[in-house]
């Protein structure tokens, strides 16, 4: 065990969404403090939506983040509909599933190919991929493009999608393009299987007993279901605030959260741990070897879980596009214009909650709970474990500091944090 004193600071952590800092304080070889700082500017969306018409607010909050704008759009729409008694049609729900699948395909592809893959290959950037691995860049762009094109077809655009709205979709699907979309999704499926193999063969490991929380849905569609935890809790979406507890992080632009008084993890790993039996049959068939690894307490398995979710999103999207017919529909109408309600969906990085109060069609208050904010405390505890394990190694202080820096950044990227959403994360500083 090292008896060294170290102050570690990482500034502007690379290959994550948004900006964050991390300070680690080690005294006499023991971790005294880990400080995660979300450094994104506060944008006061909770205040900005007050007084706004319920129909316009979903597009406003989609501007919280370009990367997962569809998740914010969809969660807010669900909250509005639950509040005002709007009942979307079966077709609308199918189109929302396709919209969410398009988001998962392109968002997970961005994280895994461009942020995680360099760590696996031992390079600094995807631009440094060796010649014999250049095909991975081609596959990355094809997979991400397929997700973008599915968004374009169903929701009008991949970022700030204009077609999805309260009660339905504003424009019908161009059925002349469905056949080509199906073929494109089928064409990238082999690339995703390659990605799953890459992530599945990764030997990184960090296990620490923690709780996992996710919405469990009957078709793994990221939408309607029950909130479940690895500890056995099962609650309705509308009752989430009775179980989540806000924790003020005075050094950060983001709050943390505990579930029933303890840290927990949300995201793809939580979803696979709690809901793998509801994956698409074709996905289960072709990933049986890797699904056997779940449930898992190894945080790095979040990367493998995301890759499997890409395949599921492709497989279920293909099934819907091949078997369903889409027609023009009028948006469902509200039963009332006053009330309060909760929208909860599974965003790429975990469960996203919207709680709205509406009076006479105008937003009175909004409470948003972001996935990355829910992961902050659990991430902090995992960082502590990395530092403790590293301090037990026999190495010089300079080598130790570099190892901690490398391992901590790799860990944080496995969580796939989005600091832009969480501000509403990570720089390490060595002193």
Protein backbone atom coordinates (compact mmCIF):
# COMPACT_ATOMS: atom_id res chain seq x y z
CA UNK A 1 0.00 0.00 0.00
CA UNK A 2 1.37 3.40 -1.03
CA UNK A 3 1.75 5.98 1.72
CA UNK A 4 1.90 8.81 -0.79
CA UNK A 5 -0.02 12.10 -0.77
CA UNK A 6 -1.51 12.96 -4.14
CA UNK A 7 -3.93 15.58 -5.43
CA UNK A 8 -5.19 14.54 -8.85
CA UNK A 9 -7.10 16.84 -11.18
CA UNK A 10 -8.37 15.90 -14.62
CA UNK A 11 -9.62 18.84 -16.63
CA UNK A 12 -11.88 18.61 -19.65
CA UNK A 13 -12.20 14.86 -19.74
CA UNK A 14 -12.06 13.70 -23.33
CA UNK A 15 -14.48 11.54 -25.29
CA UNK A 16 -17.65 12.25 -23.29
CA UNK A 17 -20.72 14.40 -23.96
CA UNK A 18 -20.25 17.81 -22.36
CA UNK A 19 -17.67 19.13 -19.88
CA UNK A 20 -16.65 17.94 -16.42
CA UNK A 21 -13.81 18.01 -13.88
CA UNK A 22 -12.62 15.52 -11.31
CA UNK A 23 -10.55 16.15 -8.16
CA UNK A 24 -9.12 13.23 -6.18
CA UNK A 25 -7.44 13.71 -2.81
CA UNK A 26 -5.16 10.93 -1.52
CA UNK A 27 -3.50 11.18 1.89
CA UNK A 28 -1.18 8.53 3.32
CA UNK A 29 -2.27 6.18 0.55
CA UNK A 30 -5.96 6.51 1.39
CA UNK A 31 -8.71 8.19 -0.61
CA UNK A 32 -9.99 11.15 1.38
CA UNK A 33 -12.21 12.74 -1.24
CA UNK A 34 -13.51 12.36 -4.79
CA UNK A 35 -15.17 15.45 -6.25
CA UNK A 36 -17.07 15.18 -9.54
CA UNK A 37 -17.86 18.57 -11.03
CA UNK A 38 -20.35 19.01 -13.82
CA UNK A 39 -19.03 22.16 -15.49
CA UNK A 40 -21.79 22.84 -17.99
CA UNK A 41 -23.59 26.15 -17.53
CA UNK A 42 -26.99 25.97 -15.90
CA UNK A 43 -29.70 26.77 -18.43
CA UNK A 44 -32.72 26.93 -16.12
CA UNK A 45 -35.08 24.89 -18.28
CA UNK A 46 -37.28 24.24 -15.25
CA UNK A 47 -37.93 27.99 -15.10
CA UNK A 48 -37.94 28.65 -18.85
CA UNK A 49 -40.94 26.40 -19.50
CA UNK A 50 -43.17 28.07 -16.91
CA UNK A 51 -46.13 29.77 -18.51
CA UNK A 52 -45.53 28.09 -21.87
CA UNK A 53 -48.25 26.29 -23.83
CA UNK A 54 -48.20 22.52 -23.25
CA UNK A 55 -47.97 21.89 -27.02
CA UNK A 56 -44.73 23.85 -27.45
CA UNK A 57 -42.82 22.72 -24.35
CA UNK A 58 -41.65 19.30 -25.68
CA UNK A 59 -39.76 20.99 -28.52
CA UNK A 60 -38.27 23.49 -26.07
CA UNK A 61 -36.88 20.86 -23.72
CA UNK A 62 -35.50 18.82 -26.62
CA UNK A 63 -32.92 21.66 -26.82
CA UNK A 64 -31.47 20.52 -23.48
CA UNK A 65 -29.23 18.18 -25.47
CA UNK A 66 -28.60 17.60 -29.17
CA UNK A 67 -27.34 14.08 -28.61
CA UNK A 68 -30.44 12.76 -26.83
CA UNK A 69 -32.97 15.42 -27.82
CA UNK A 70 -35.45 12.71 -28.86
CA UNK A 71 -35.39 11.28 -25.33
CA UNK A 72 -36.28 14.66 -23.77
CA UNK A 73 -38.92 15.26 -26.43
CA UNK A 74 -40.54 11.87 -25.85
CA UNK A 75 -40.42 11.97 -22.03
CA UNK A 76 -41.96 15.45 -21.96
CA UNK A 77 -44.70 14.44 -24.42
CA UNK A 78 -45.55 11.46 -22.22
CA UNK A 79 -45.72 13.72 -19.15
CA UNK A 80 -48.07 16.14 -20.93
CA UNK A 81 -50.29 13.29 -22.09
CA UNK A 82 -50.50 11.71 -18.64
CA UNK A 83 -51.31 15.12 -17.15
CA UNK A 84 -54.07 16.01 -19.61
CA UNK A 85 -55.59 12.57 -20.17
CA UNK A 86 -54.41 12.30 -23.78
CA UNK A 87 -54.46 8.69 -25.03
CA UNK A 88 -52.11 8.15 -27.99
CA UNK A 89 -53.17 5.57 -30.58
CA UNK A 90 -51.53 2.19 -31.12
CA UNK A 91 -49.90 3.56 -34.29
CA UNK A 92 -48.49 6.54 -32.40
CA UNK A 93 -46.92 4.21 -29.84
CA UNK A 94 -45.35 2.12 -32.61
CA UNK A 95 -43.93 5.24 -34.23
CA UNK A 96 -42.54 6.35 -30.85
CA UNK A 97 -40.86 2.98 -30.44
CA UNK A 98 -39.26 3.37 -33.87
CA UNK A 99 -38.19 6.90 -32.96
CA UNK A 100 -36.58 5.67 -29.73
CA UNK A 101 -34.89 2.81 -31.59
CA UNK A 102 -33.41 5.30 -34.05
CA UNK A 103 -32.01 7.27 -31.11
CA UNK A 104 -30.52 4.17 -29.44
CA UNK A 105 -28.84 3.01 -32.66
CA UNK A 106 -27.07 6.26 -33.42
CA UNK A 107 -26.39 7.34 -29.82
CA UNK A 108 -24.93 4.03 -28.66
CA UNK A 109 -22.93 3.80 -31.90
CA UNK A 110 -21.41 7.23 -31.25
CA UNK A 111 -20.39 6.23 -27.71
CA UNK A 112 -19.04 2.76 -28.50
CA UNK A 113 -17.22 3.42 -31.76
CA UNK A 114 -15.89 6.91 -31.14
CA UNK A 115 -15.44 7.07 -27.34
CA UNK A 116 -14.89 3.48 -26.12
CA UNK A 117 -13.20 1.80 -29.08
CA UNK A 118 -10.02 3.94 -28.84
CA UNK A 119 -9.59 2.71 -25.24
CA UNK A 120 -10.00 -0.90 -26.35
CA UNK A 121 -7.49 -0.45 -29.18
CA UNK A 122 -5.05 1.45 -26.94
CA UNK A 123 -5.12 4.62 -29.06
CA UNK A 124 -5.99 8.22 -28.29
CA UNK A 125 -8.57 8.83 -30.99
CA UNK A 126 -10.66 6.99 -33.56
CA UNK A 127 -8.55 8.90 -36.12
CA UNK A 128 -5.53 6.86 -34.99
CA UNK A 129 -7.06 3.47 -35.86
CA UNK A 130 -4.37 1.22 -37.43
CA UNK A 131 -4.71 0.21 -41.07
CA UNK A 132 -5.91 -3.31 -40.29
CA UNK A 133 -8.78 -1.85 -38.22
CA UNK A 134 -9.86 0.93 -40.59
CA UNK A 135 -12.91 -1.10 -41.57
CA UNK A 136 -14.31 -0.31 -38.12
CA UNK A 137 -14.62 3.37 -39.06
CA UNK A 138 -16.60 2.40 -42.14
CA UNK A 139 -18.85 0.17 -40.04
CA UNK A 140 -19.28 2.89 -37.40
CA UNK A 141 -20.44 5.44 -39.95
CA UNK A 142 -22.82 2.97 -41.58
CA UNK A 143 -24.46 2.00 -38.28
CA UNK A 144 -24.81 5.59 -37.15
CA UNK A 145 -26.20 6.58 -40.56
CA UNK A 146 -28.84 3.84 -40.34
CA UNK A 147 -30.01 5.28 -37.02
CA UNK A 148 -30.10 8.78 -38.48
CA UNK A 149 -32.07 7.63 -41.51
CA UNK A 150 -34.63 5.84 -39.34
CA UNK A 151 -35.08 9.09 -37.38
CA UNK A 152 -35.48 11.03 -40.62
CA UNK A 153 -38.12 8.62 -41.92
CA UNK A 154 -40.24 8.41 -38.77
CA UNK A 155 -39.63 11.64 -36.86
CA UNK A 156 -38.41 14.05 -39.56
CA UNK A 157 -34.88 14.59 -38.25
CA UNK A 158 -32.30 12.89 -36.00
CA UNK A 159 -31.78 15.98 -33.81
CA UNK A 160 -34.75 18.03 -32.54
CA UNK A 161 -37.18 15.81 -34.46
CA UNK A 162 -40.15 17.91 -35.68
CA UNK A 163 -42.82 15.23 -36.39
CA UNK A 164 -43.27 13.73 -32.90
CA UNK A 165 -45.73 15.81 -30.89
CA UNK A 166 -48.29 15.67 -28.11
CA UNK A 167 -51.01 13.17 -29.07
CA UNK A 168 -49.39 11.80 -32.22
CA UNK A 169 -47.18 12.65 -35.19
CA UNK A 170 -47.62 15.72 -37.36
CA UNK A 171 -46.69 13.98 -40.62
CA UNK A 172 -47.44 10.52 -41.90
CA UNK A 173 -44.67 8.04 -42.75
CA UNK A 174 -43.51 8.06 -46.37
CA UNK A 175 -44.32 4.43 -47.07
CA UNK A 176 -42.35 4.47 -50.35
CA UNK A 177 -39.14 4.62 -48.28
CA UNK A 178 -39.89 1.81 -45.84
CA UNK A 179 -38.48 -0.99 -48.01
CA UNK A 180 -35.12 0.78 -48.43
CA UNK A 181 -35.02 1.48 -44.68
CA UNK A 182 -35.55 -2.20 -43.89
CA UNK A 183 -32.72 -3.19 -46.23
CA UNK A 184 -30.38 -0.62 -44.70
CA UNK A 185 -31.09 -1.88 -41.18
CA UNK A 186 -30.50 -5.47 -42.31
CA UNK A 187 -27.25 -4.46 -44.03
CA UNK A 188 -25.68 -3.04 -40.85
CA UNK A 189 -26.74 -5.92 -38.63
CA UNK A 190 -23.48 -7.83 -39.29
CA UNK A 191 -21.50 -4.74 -38.25
CA UNK A 192 -23.37 -4.60 -34.96
CA UNK A 193 -22.65 -8.28 -34.33
CA UNK A 194 -18.95 -7.46 -34.85
CA UNK A 195 -19.29 -4.63 -32.34
CA UNK A 196 -20.94 -6.94 -29.80
CA UNK A 197 -18.04 -9.36 -30.17
CA UNK A 198 -15.53 -6.55 -29.61
CA UNK A 199 -17.27 -5.35 -26.48
CA UNK A 200 -17.97 -8.88 -25.25
CA UNK A 201 -14.32 -9.92 -25.50
CA UNK A 202 -13.14 -6.87 -23.55
CA UNK A 203 -11.53 -8.09 -20.30
CA UNK A 204 -11.87 -4.88 -18.25
CA UNK A 205 -13.46 -5.48 -14.88
CA UNK A 206 -14.62 -3.37 -11.97
CA UNK A 207 -17.13 -5.02 -9.68
CA UNK A 208 -18.72 -3.35 -6.70
CA UNK A 209 -21.99 -4.27 -5.05
CA UNK A 210 -24.56 -1.74 -6.18
CA UNK A 211 -28.25 -1.46 -7.03
CA UNK A 212 -29.58 -1.25 -10.59
CA UNK A 213 -32.79 0.56 -11.53
CA UNK A 214 -34.65 0.62 -14.86
CA UNK A 215 -38.09 0.66 -16.45
CA UNK A 216 -38.91 -2.92 -17.36
CA UNK A 217 -41.02 -3.05 -20.53
CA UNK A 218 -42.66 -6.14 -22.08
CA UNK A 219 -40.95 -5.62 -25.46
CA UNK A 220 -37.78 -3.78 -24.34
CA UNK A 221 -39.08 -0.68 -26.13
CA UNK A 222 -37.75 1.90 -23.61
CA UNK A 223 -41.27 3.31 -23.10
CA UNK A 224 -44.16 2.08 -20.91
CA UNK A 225 -43.48 -0.28 -18.00
CA UNK A 226 -42.76 -0.64 -14.28
CA UNK A 227 -39.73 0.83 -12.50
CA UNK A 228 -37.83 -2.11 -11.02
CA UNK A 229 -34.61 -2.47 -9.05
CA UNK A 230 -32.12 -5.28 -8.51
CA UNK A 231 -33.08 -5.21 -4.82
CA UNK A 232 -36.64 -6.23 -5.68
CA UNK A 233 -38.48 -2.91 -5.66
CA UNK A 234 -41.30 -2.51 -8.18
CA UNK A 235 -43.07 0.83 -8.46
CA UNK A 236 -45.32 2.73 -10.83
CA UNK A 237 -43.71 5.45 -12.94
CA UNK A 238 -45.91 8.10 -11.31
CA UNK A 239 -44.60 7.18 -7.84
CA UNK A 240 -40.89 7.61 -8.65
CA UNK A 241 -40.43 10.65 -6.37
CA UNK A 242 -41.33 8.54 -3.31
CA UNK A 243 -38.21 6.46 -3.93
CA UNK A 244 -35.66 8.88 -5.46
CA UNK A 245 -33.93 11.34 -3.16
CA UNK A 246 -32.08 14.42 -4.36
CA UNK A 247 -28.54 14.88 -3.00
CA UNK A 248 -27.01 18.35 -3.26
CA UNK A 249 -23.47 18.35 -4.68
CA UNK A 250 -22.28 21.87 -3.73
CA UNK A 251 -19.18 21.69 -5.95
CA UNK A 252 -21.12 20.73 -9.08
CA UNK A 253 -23.64 22.16 -11.53
CA UNK A 254 -25.63 18.92 -11.18
CA UNK A 255 -27.38 17.23 -8.28
CA UNK A 256 -26.96 13.58 -7.41
CA UNK A 257 -29.67 11.06 -6.55
CA UNK A 258 -30.13 8.06 -4.30
CA UNK A 259 -32.72 5.29 -4.67
CA UNK A 260 -34.27 4.41 -1.33
CA UNK A 261 -31.32 6.00 0.46
CA UNK A 262 -28.46 4.37 -1.46
CA UNK A 263 -26.46 4.99 -4.63
CA UNK A 264 -27.59 3.12 -7.74
CA UNK A 265 -26.90 2.80 -11.46
CA UNK A 266 -29.17 3.38 -14.45
CA UNK A 267 -28.52 2.76 -18.13
CA UNK A 268 -28.01 -0.15 -20.52
CA UNK A 269 -26.34 -2.36 -17.89
CA UNK A 270 -29.30 -1.90 -15.56
CA UNK A 271 -31.74 -2.66 -18.38
CA UNK A 272 -29.93 -5.86 -19.42
CA UNK A 273 -29.64 -6.96 -15.79
CA UNK A 274 -33.36 -6.51 -15.18
CA UNK A 275 -35.01 -7.09 -18.53
CA UNK A 276 -32.88 -9.24 -20.87
CA UNK A 277 -35.64 -11.84 -21.25
CA UNK A 278 -37.76 -9.27 -23.15
CA UNK A 279 -35.20 -8.58 -25.88
CA UNK A 280 -36.23 -9.36 -29.47
CA UNK A 281 -36.07 -13.12 -30.23
CA UNK A 282 -33.55 -12.59 -33.05
CA UNK A 283 -31.33 -10.58 -30.72
CA UNK A 284 -31.50 -13.26 -28.03
CA UNK A 285 -30.71 -15.95 -30.60
CA UNK A 286 -27.60 -14.23 -31.95
CA UNK A 287 -26.22 -12.92 -28.64
CA UNK A 288 -26.92 -15.94 -26.42
CA UNK A 289 -23.21 -16.28 -25.58
CA UNK A 290 -22.98 -12.70 -24.32
CA UNK A 291 -26.40 -12.53 -22.67
CA UNK A 292 -25.17 -15.30 -20.35
CA UNK A 293 -22.87 -12.65 -18.80
CA UNK A 294 -25.90 -10.80 -17.40
CA UNK A 295 -26.86 -9.92 -14.73
CA UNK A 296 -23.44 -8.42 -14.06
CA UNK A 297 -21.95 -6.06 -11.47
CA UNK A 298 -19.05 -5.23 -13.80
CA UNK A 299 -19.62 -1.61 -14.79
CA UNK A 300 -17.66 -2.10 -18.03
CA UNK A 301 -20.39 -4.46 -19.19
CA UNK A 302 -22.42 -1.29 -19.82
CA UNK A 303 -20.55 -1.10 -23.13
CA UNK A 304 -21.58 -4.63 -24.12
CA UNK A 305 -25.15 -3.93 -22.98
CA UNK A 306 -25.32 -0.88 -25.25
CA UNK A 307 -24.08 -2.92 -28.23
CA UNK A 308 -26.78 -5.55 -27.60
CA UNK A 309 -29.38 -2.78 -27.36
CA UNK A 310 -28.34 -1.53 -30.82
CA UNK A 311 -29.04 -5.01 -32.22
CA UNK A 312 -32.39 -5.21 -30.42
CA UNK A 313 -33.37 -1.78 -31.74
CA UNK A 314 -32.55 -2.88 -35.29
CA UNK A 315 -34.36 -6.21 -34.98
CA UNK A 316 -37.56 -4.79 -33.49
CA UNK A 317 -37.55 -1.86 -35.93
CA UNK A 318 -37.30 -4.29 -38.85
CA UNK A 319 -40.21 -6.34 -37.48
CA UNK A 320 -42.42 -3.27 -37.05
CA UNK A 321 -41.60 -1.88 -40.49
CA UNK A 322 -42.21 -5.26 -42.16
CA UNK A 323 -45.49 -6.11 -40.42
CA UNK A 324 -47.33 -2.85 -39.70
CA UNK A 325 -49.19 -0.49 -42.00
CA UNK A 326 -49.16 3.23 -41.30
CA UNK A 327 -51.94 5.65 -42.17
CA UNK A 328 -52.63 9.31 -41.60
CA UNK A 329 -54.06 10.02 -38.13
CA UNK A 330 -55.22 13.09 -36.28
CA UNK A 331 -53.47 13.73 -32.94
CA UNK A 332 -55.36 12.56 -29.84
CA UNK A 333 -57.06 15.39 -27.94
CA UNK A 334 -56.84 16.27 -24.23
CA UNK A 335 -59.63 15.39 -21.79
CA UNK A 336 -58.73 18.39 -19.60
CA UNK A 337 -56.28 21.30 -19.53
CA UNK A 338 -55.34 21.23 -15.83
CA UNK A 339 -53.54 18.60 -13.76
CA UNK A 340 -50.16 17.05 -13.03
CA UNK A 341 -48.47 13.94 -14.35
CA UNK A 342 -45.24 12.01 -14.83
CA UNK A 343 -43.51 10.89 -18.01
CA UNK A 344 -40.79 8.27 -17.62
CA UNK A 345 -38.81 6.59 -20.39
CA UNK A 346 -35.48 4.85 -20.82
CA UNK A 347 -33.08 7.29 -22.49
CA UNK A 348 -29.75 5.96 -23.84
CA UNK A 349 -28.03 6.67 -20.50
CA UNK A 350 -30.85 5.54 -18.22
CA UNK A 351 -34.25 6.42 -16.81
CA UNK A 352 -35.44 9.94 -17.59
CA UNK A 353 -38.27 11.46 -15.55
CA UNK A 354 -40.48 14.47 -16.33
CA UNK A 355 -42.99 15.69 -13.75
CA UNK A 356 -45.25 18.52 -14.99
CA UNK A 357 -47.96 20.66 -13.49
CA UNK A 358 -50.30 22.28 -16.01
CA UNK A 359 -53.06 24.82 -15.44
CA UNK A 360 -55.41 25.89 -18.22
CA UNK A 361 -52.96 24.59 -20.80
CA UNK A 362 -49.94 26.45 -19.39
CA UNK A 363 -46.97 24.86 -17.62
CA UNK A 364 -46.95 25.76 -13.92
CA UNK A 365 -43.89 23.77 -12.85
CA UNK A 366 -41.50 21.12 -14.18
CA UNK A 367 -39.22 18.66 -12.39
CA UNK A 368 -36.66 16.79 -14.49
CA UNK A 369 -34.51 13.88 -13.25
CA UNK A 370 -31.65 13.15 -15.66
CA UNK A 371 -29.92 9.73 -16.04
CA UNK A 372 -26.34 11.04 -15.65
CA UNK A 373 -27.30 12.89 -12.46
CA UNK A 374 -28.65 9.60 -11.08
CA UNK A 375 -25.32 7.90 -11.82
CA UNK A 376 -23.04 10.56 -10.29
CA UNK A 377 -22.88 9.15 -6.74
CA UNK A 378 -22.43 5.57 -7.96
CA UNK A 379 -19.71 6.76 -10.34
CA UNK A 380 -17.98 8.53 -7.48
CA UNK A 381 -17.93 5.33 -5.41
CA UNK A 382 -16.55 3.34 -8.36
CA UNK A 383 -13.79 5.93 -8.80
CA UNK A 384 -12.91 5.51 -5.13
CA UNK A 385 -12.57 1.76 -5.65
CA UNK A 386 -10.28 2.28 -8.65
CA UNK A 387 -8.03 4.58 -6.62
CA UNK A 388 -7.97 2.22 -3.62
CA UNK A 389 -7.07 -0.74 -5.86
CA UNK A 390 -4.36 1.30 -7.64
CA UNK A 391 -2.81 2.45 -4.35
CA UNK A 392 -2.35 -1.21 -3.38
CA UNK A 393 0.02 -1.69 -6.34
CA UNK A 394 3.78 -1.36 -6.09
CA UNK A 395 4.71 1.49 -8.43
CA UNK A 396 6.29 4.92 -8.37
CA UNK A 397 4.09 7.94 -7.62
CA UNK A 398 4.36 9.25 -11.18
CA UNK A 399 3.34 5.86 -12.59
CA UNK A 400 0.56 5.61 -10.02
CA UNK A 401 -0.90 8.98 -10.94
CA UNK A 402 -0.89 8.09 -14.64
CA UNK A 403 -2.52 4.73 -13.99
CA UNK A 404 -5.25 6.34 -11.88
CA UNK A 405 -5.86 8.98 -14.53
CA UNK A 406 -6.13 6.39 -17.30
CA UNK A 407 -8.35 3.97 -15.37
CA UNK A 408 -10.67 6.69 -14.08
CA UNK A 409 -11.22 8.18 -17.54
CA UNK A 410 -11.90 4.72 -18.96
CA UNK A 411 -14.42 4.05 -16.20
CA UNK A 412 -16.25 7.33 -16.69
CA UNK A 413 -16.54 6.72 -20.43
CA UNK A 414 -18.09 3.31 -19.66
CA UNK A 415 -20.92 5.16 -17.88
CA UNK A 416 -21.44 7.21 -21.08
CA UNK A 417 -22.26 10.38 -19.12
CA UNK A 418 -23.98 13.35 -20.74
CA UNK A 419 -22.93 16.47 -18.84
CA UNK A 420 -25.06 18.76 -20.97
CA UNK A 421 -28.15 16.99 -19.64
CA UNK A 422 -26.84 16.60 -16.10
CA UNK A 423 -26.28 20.34 -15.65
CA UNK A 424 -29.83 21.39 -15.30
CA UNK A 425 -19.27 16.40 -15.28
CA UNK A 426 -15.42 15.70 -15.66
CA UNK A 427 -12.00 17.37 -15.30
CA UNK A 428 -9.16 15.54 -13.01
CA UNK A 429 -6.81 18.22 -11.24
CA UNK A 430 -3.40 17.03 -9.88
CA UNK A 431 -1.89 19.46 -7.40
